[in-house]
Amino acid sequence: MTPTTIAAYLALFTGVGFVFLLANLVLGRFLRPFAPNQEKLEIYECGEPTIGSSFVQFDLRFYVVALLFIIFDVEVAFFFPWASVFGKAAQVQGLESAADARTAQDLAGRDNVSPTERERLKAENYAQLAESKFAELGVPSRGLEGILSEVPANPRERPAAVADVGRRVALFSFYDILVFFAVLMVGFFYVWKRGDLDWVRAVSRERSVMSPRAPPGAPPPVEEPVLAR
């Protein structure tokens, strides 16, 4: 798939999404009922009547939790490219079985096929499958030629060598995602140790008092109200 094709698919997806959204908004403007009244225009939260004025500052802990959720939720999106590479690298190790299946399909209904002809057809199918799978991994044809130049020229030994290349790529991607996940856990542990995940501030004060760095008998620190900051 060329970059132009990818850009065309993205433009088509954006255009269809924009037209779909605009069409629903215009259609809803003419079809939905419009009957405003005092009860419908009242401010509500989760279907409950409001208590006090709505012009107050939200507790900053809401925003902290929301930011932490967004950060770690967005980072999960980086698992999808890794899963794609890991899956394709694992499929490289099973190319020999796929080549056998394709060869059997090509020779179905043919009798008296010599072993030499069968091996030649299997080698051709294997080369096609390997080129296709490495292309999905982002390896161009020249790069594939370089990889295959390092493996044995014997067709019977080549599948095992190519499978070993796929195994190394799969292991590398596996270790790569472990490092990435470890970095996420270090960040999560850091914000937890700072007390940013403590919803009840009394827990933070108790930790400060129980900390060995605080002198014995020291009064708990007085936390400044959020609205006074």
Protein backbone atom coordinates (compact mmCIF):
# COMPACT_ATOMS: atom_id res chain seq x y z
CA MET A 1 0.00 0.00 0.00
CA THR A 2 1.54 3.28 -1.16
CA PRO A 3 1.49 6.53 0.86
CA THR A 4 -0.87 8.03 -1.73
CA THR A 5 -3.34 5.19 -1.19
CA ILE A 6 -3.15 5.61 2.59
CA ALA A 7 -3.76 9.36 2.27
CA ALA A 8 -6.71 8.68 -0.06
CA TYR A 9 -8.26 6.25 2.45
CA LEU A 10 -7.83 8.79 5.26
CA ALA A 11 -9.41 11.54 3.16
CA LEU A 12 -12.29 9.24 2.23
CA PHE A 13 -12.83 8.28 5.88
CA THR A 14 -12.79 11.94 6.97
CA GLY A 15 -15.16 12.98 4.20
CA VAL A 16 -17.66 10.20 4.90
CA GLY A 17 -17.58 10.97 8.62
CA PHE A 18 -18.14 14.69 8.03
CA VAL A 19 -21.05 14.09 5.61
CA PHE A 20 -22.62 11.54 7.97
CA LEU A 21 -22.43 13.92 10.93
CA LEU A 22 -23.72 16.91 8.97
CA ALA A 23 -26.60 14.91 7.49
CA ASN A 24 -27.71 13.72 10.94
CA LEU A 25 -27.57 17.23 12.38
CA VAL A 26 -29.60 18.70 9.53
CA LEU A 27 -32.11 15.84 9.61
CA GLY A 28 -32.49 16.10 13.37
CA ARG A 29 -33.06 19.84 13.13
CA PHE A 30 -36.24 19.23 11.14
CA LEU A 31 -37.49 16.04 12.80
CA ARG A 32 -36.89 16.46 16.53
CA PRO A 33 -39.60 18.13 18.64
CA PHE A 34 -38.96 21.64 19.93
CA ALA A 35 -40.97 22.41 23.07
CA PRO A 36 -38.85 24.33 25.61
CA ASN A 37 -40.26 24.98 29.07
CA GLN A 38 -38.99 26.08 32.45
CA GLU A 39 -38.42 22.56 33.73
CA LYS A 40 -36.45 21.45 30.66
CA LEU A 41 -34.23 24.55 30.78
CA GLU A 42 -33.24 24.02 34.41
CA ILE A 43 -29.66 23.06 35.21
CA TYR A 44 -29.37 19.44 36.29
CA GLU A 45 -26.66 16.97 37.12
CA CYS A 46 -27.32 13.25 36.75
CA GLY A 47 -31.06 13.89 36.92
CA GLU A 48 -30.82 15.38 40.42
CA PRO A 49 -31.91 18.92 41.39
CA THR A 50 -29.05 21.33 41.92
CA ILE A 51 -28.10 22.32 45.46
CA GLY A 52 -26.61 25.78 45.85
CA SER A 53 -25.08 27.92 43.15
CA SER A 54 -23.66 26.32 40.03
CA PHE A 55 -20.97 29.02 39.73
CA VAL A 56 -18.43 27.30 41.97
CA GLN A 57 -14.98 25.94 41.27
CA PHE A 58 -14.76 22.19 40.92
CA ASP A 59 -12.33 20.36 43.11
CA LEU A 60 -9.03 20.12 41.28
CA ARG A 61 -8.90 16.40 42.06
CA PHE A 62 -11.48 15.85 39.32
CA TYR A 63 -9.08 17.29 36.75
CA VAL A 64 -6.09 15.35 38.13
CA VAL A 65 -7.92 12.05 37.83
CA ALA A 66 -9.20 12.98 34.35
CA LEU A 67 -5.69 13.88 33.16
CA LEU A 68 -4.23 10.66 34.54
CA PHE A 69 -6.95 8.67 32.82
CA ILE A 70 -6.32 10.41 29.48
CA ILE A 71 -2.56 9.96 29.72
CA PHE A 72 -2.62 6.25 30.46
CA ASP A 73 -5.57 5.60 28.17
CA VAL A 74 -3.86 7.23 25.20
CA GLU A 75 -0.67 5.31 25.88
CA VAL A 76 -2.59 2.06 25.43
CA ALA A 77 -3.09 3.03 21.76
CA PHE A 78 0.63 2.39 21.24
CA PHE A 79 0.03 -1.28 21.99
CA PHE A 80 -1.81 -1.77 18.69
CA PRO A 81 1.21 -1.22 16.34
CA TRP A 82 3.26 -3.50 18.54
CA ALA A 83 0.57 -6.19 18.46
CA SER A 84 0.46 -5.95 14.67
CA VAL A 85 4.24 -6.39 14.33
CA PHE A 86 4.32 -9.18 16.90
CA GLY A 87 1.48 -11.04 15.17
CA LYS A 88 3.03 -10.79 11.71
CA ALA A 89 6.43 -11.87 13.04
CA ALA A 90 4.79 -14.90 14.61
CA GLN A 91 3.11 -15.68 11.28
CA VAL A 92 6.53 -15.68 9.59
CA GLN A 93 7.43 -18.72 11.68
CA GLY A 94 4.48 -20.63 10.18
CA LEU A 95 5.15 -19.83 6.53
CA GLU A 96 6.31 -23.36 5.76
CA SER A 97 2.94 -24.83 6.74
CA ALA A 98 1.17 -22.15 4.69
CA ALA A 99 3.40 -22.96 1.69
CA ASP A 100 2.59 -26.67 2.05
CA ALA A 101 -1.13 -25.90 2.11
CA ARG A 102 -0.91 -23.66 -0.95
CA THR A 103 1.18 -26.26 -2.81
CA ALA A 104 -1.33 -28.98 -2.02
CA GLN A 105 -4.10 -26.72 -3.27
CA ASP A 106 -2.24 -25.99 -6.50
CA LEU A 107 -1.55 -29.68 -7.12
CA ALA A 108 -5.07 -30.82 -6.31
CA GLY A 109 -6.38 -33.06 -9.10
CA ARG A 110 -2.94 -33.58 -10.67
CA ASP A 111 -1.48 -37.06 -10.72
CA ASN A 112 2.08 -38.29 -11.20
CA VAL A 113 3.69 -35.09 -9.90
CA SER A 114 7.40 -35.63 -9.42
CA PRO A 115 9.03 -34.74 -6.07
CA THR A 116 11.24 -32.23 -7.89
CA GLU A 117 8.24 -30.43 -9.33
CA ARG A 118 6.55 -30.43 -5.93
CA GLU A 119 9.64 -28.97 -4.24
CA ARG A 120 10.00 -26.31 -6.93
CA LEU A 121 6.37 -25.23 -6.58
CA LYS A 122 6.65 -25.20 -2.80
CA ALA A 123 9.77 -23.00 -2.99
CA GLU A 124 7.95 -20.55 -5.26
CA ASN A 125 4.94 -20.39 -2.96
CA TYR A 126 7.18 -19.98 0.05
CA ALA A 127 9.07 -17.10 -1.59
CA GLN A 128 5.81 -15.35 -2.45
CA LEU A 129 4.43 -15.76 1.06
CA ALA A 130 7.69 -14.56 2.63
CA GLU A 131 7.80 -11.48 0.40
CA SER A 132 4.17 -10.66 1.21
CA LYS A 133 4.60 -11.12 4.96
CA PHE A 134 7.83 -9.12 5.16
CA ALA A 135 6.20 -6.38 3.09
CA GLU A 136 3.46 -6.19 5.73
CA LEU A 137 6.22 -5.77 8.31
CA GLY A 138 7.56 -2.82 6.33
CA VAL A 139 10.57 -4.59 4.83
CA PRO A 140 11.01 -3.56 1.16
CA SER A 141 12.02 -5.98 -1.56
CA ARG A 142 15.66 -4.93 -1.35
CA GLY A 143 15.67 -5.47 2.40
CA LEU A 144 14.11 -8.88 1.91
CA GLU A 145 16.84 -9.78 -0.57
CA GLY A 146 19.40 -8.83 2.05
CA ILE A 147 17.70 -11.01 4.64
CA LEU A 148 17.41 -13.97 2.31
CA SER A 149 21.05 -13.59 1.22
CA GLU A 150 22.11 -14.43 4.76
CA VAL A 151 20.11 -17.65 4.94
CA PRO A 152 21.11 -20.94 3.31
CA ALA A 153 20.52 -21.26 -0.41
CA ASN A 154 19.21 -24.79 -0.01
CA PRO A 155 15.39 -24.58 -0.32
CA ARG A 156 14.97 -27.21 2.39
CA GLU A 157 17.03 -25.19 4.90
CA ARG A 158 15.66 -21.77 4.00
CA PRO A 159 12.26 -22.07 5.81
CA ALA A 160 13.95 -22.82 9.13
CA ALA A 161 16.31 -19.86 8.70
CA VAL A 162 13.48 -17.47 7.78
CA ALA A 163 11.46 -18.76 10.73
CA ASP A 164 14.42 -17.93 12.95
CA VAL A 165 14.38 -14.36 11.58
CA GLY A 166 10.69 -14.12 12.45
CA ARG A 167 11.36 -15.47 15.93
CA ARG A 168 14.04 -12.83 16.54
CA VAL A 169 11.74 -10.05 15.35
CA ALA A 170 8.97 -11.34 17.62
CA LEU A 171 11.31 -11.49 20.61
CA PHE A 172 12.61 -7.99 19.92
CA SER A 173 9.08 -6.59 19.74
CA PHE A 174 8.16 -8.46 22.93
CA TYR A 175 11.10 -6.99 24.86
CA ASP A 176 10.31 -3.57 23.38
CA ILE A 177 6.75 -3.61 24.72
CA LEU A 178 8.01 -4.79 28.11
CA VAL A 179 10.26 -1.73 28.34
CA PHE A 180 7.39 0.52 27.27
CA PHE A 181 5.07 -1.02 29.86
CA ALA A 182 7.76 -0.69 32.54
CA VAL A 183 8.07 3.05 31.80
CA LEU A 184 4.29 3.39 32.20
CA MET A 185 4.41 1.59 35.53
CA VAL A 186 7.23 3.84 36.77
CA GLY A 187 5.14 6.91 35.90
CA PHE A 188 2.09 5.43 37.59
CA PHE A 189 4.11 4.60 40.71
CA TYR A 190 5.51 8.14 40.77
CA VAL A 191 2.10 9.85 40.77
CA TRP A 192 0.85 7.33 43.33
CA LYS A 193 3.84 8.00 45.61
CA ARG A 194 3.27 11.74 45.34
CA GLY A 195 -0.27 11.25 46.59
CA ASP A 196 -1.92 12.49 43.40
CA LEU A 197 -4.19 9.44 43.39
CA ASP A 198 -5.43 9.98 46.94
CA TRP A 199 -9.01 11.11 46.65
CA VAL A 200 -9.33 11.71 50.40
CA ARG A 201 -6.72 14.21 51.51
CA ALA A 202 -6.72 12.80 55.03
CA VAL A 203 -4.82 9.83 53.65
CA SER A 204 -2.04 12.13 52.48
CA ARG A 205 -1.83 13.76 55.90
CA GLU A 206 -1.65 10.35 57.58
CA ARG A 207 1.17 9.34 55.28
CA SER A 208 3.04 12.53 56.10
CA VAL A 209 2.69 11.87 59.82
CA MET A 210 3.70 8.22 59.48
CA SER A 211 6.70 9.09 57.32
CA PRO A 212 10.06 8.47 59.08
CA ARG A 213 11.27 11.89 57.93
CA ALA A 214 8.67 13.66 60.13
CA PRO A 215 9.88 14.29 63.72
CA PRO A 216 7.99 12.37 66.42
CA GLY A 217 5.11 14.27 67.94
CA ALA A 218 4.92 16.75 65.05
CA PRO A 219 1.39 17.97 64.33
CA PRO A 220 -0.12 16.97 60.98
CA PRO A 221 0.39 19.54 58.23
CA VAL A 222 -2.53 21.81 57.59
CA GLU A 223 -3.56 21.61 53.96
CA GLU A 224 -4.60 24.80 52.31
CA PRO A 225 -8.15 24.74 50.90
CA VAL A 226 -8.38 24.27 47.16
CA LEU A 227 -10.41 27.45 46.62
CA ALA A 228 -7.82 29.52 48.48
CA ARG A 229 -4.98 28.57 46.11
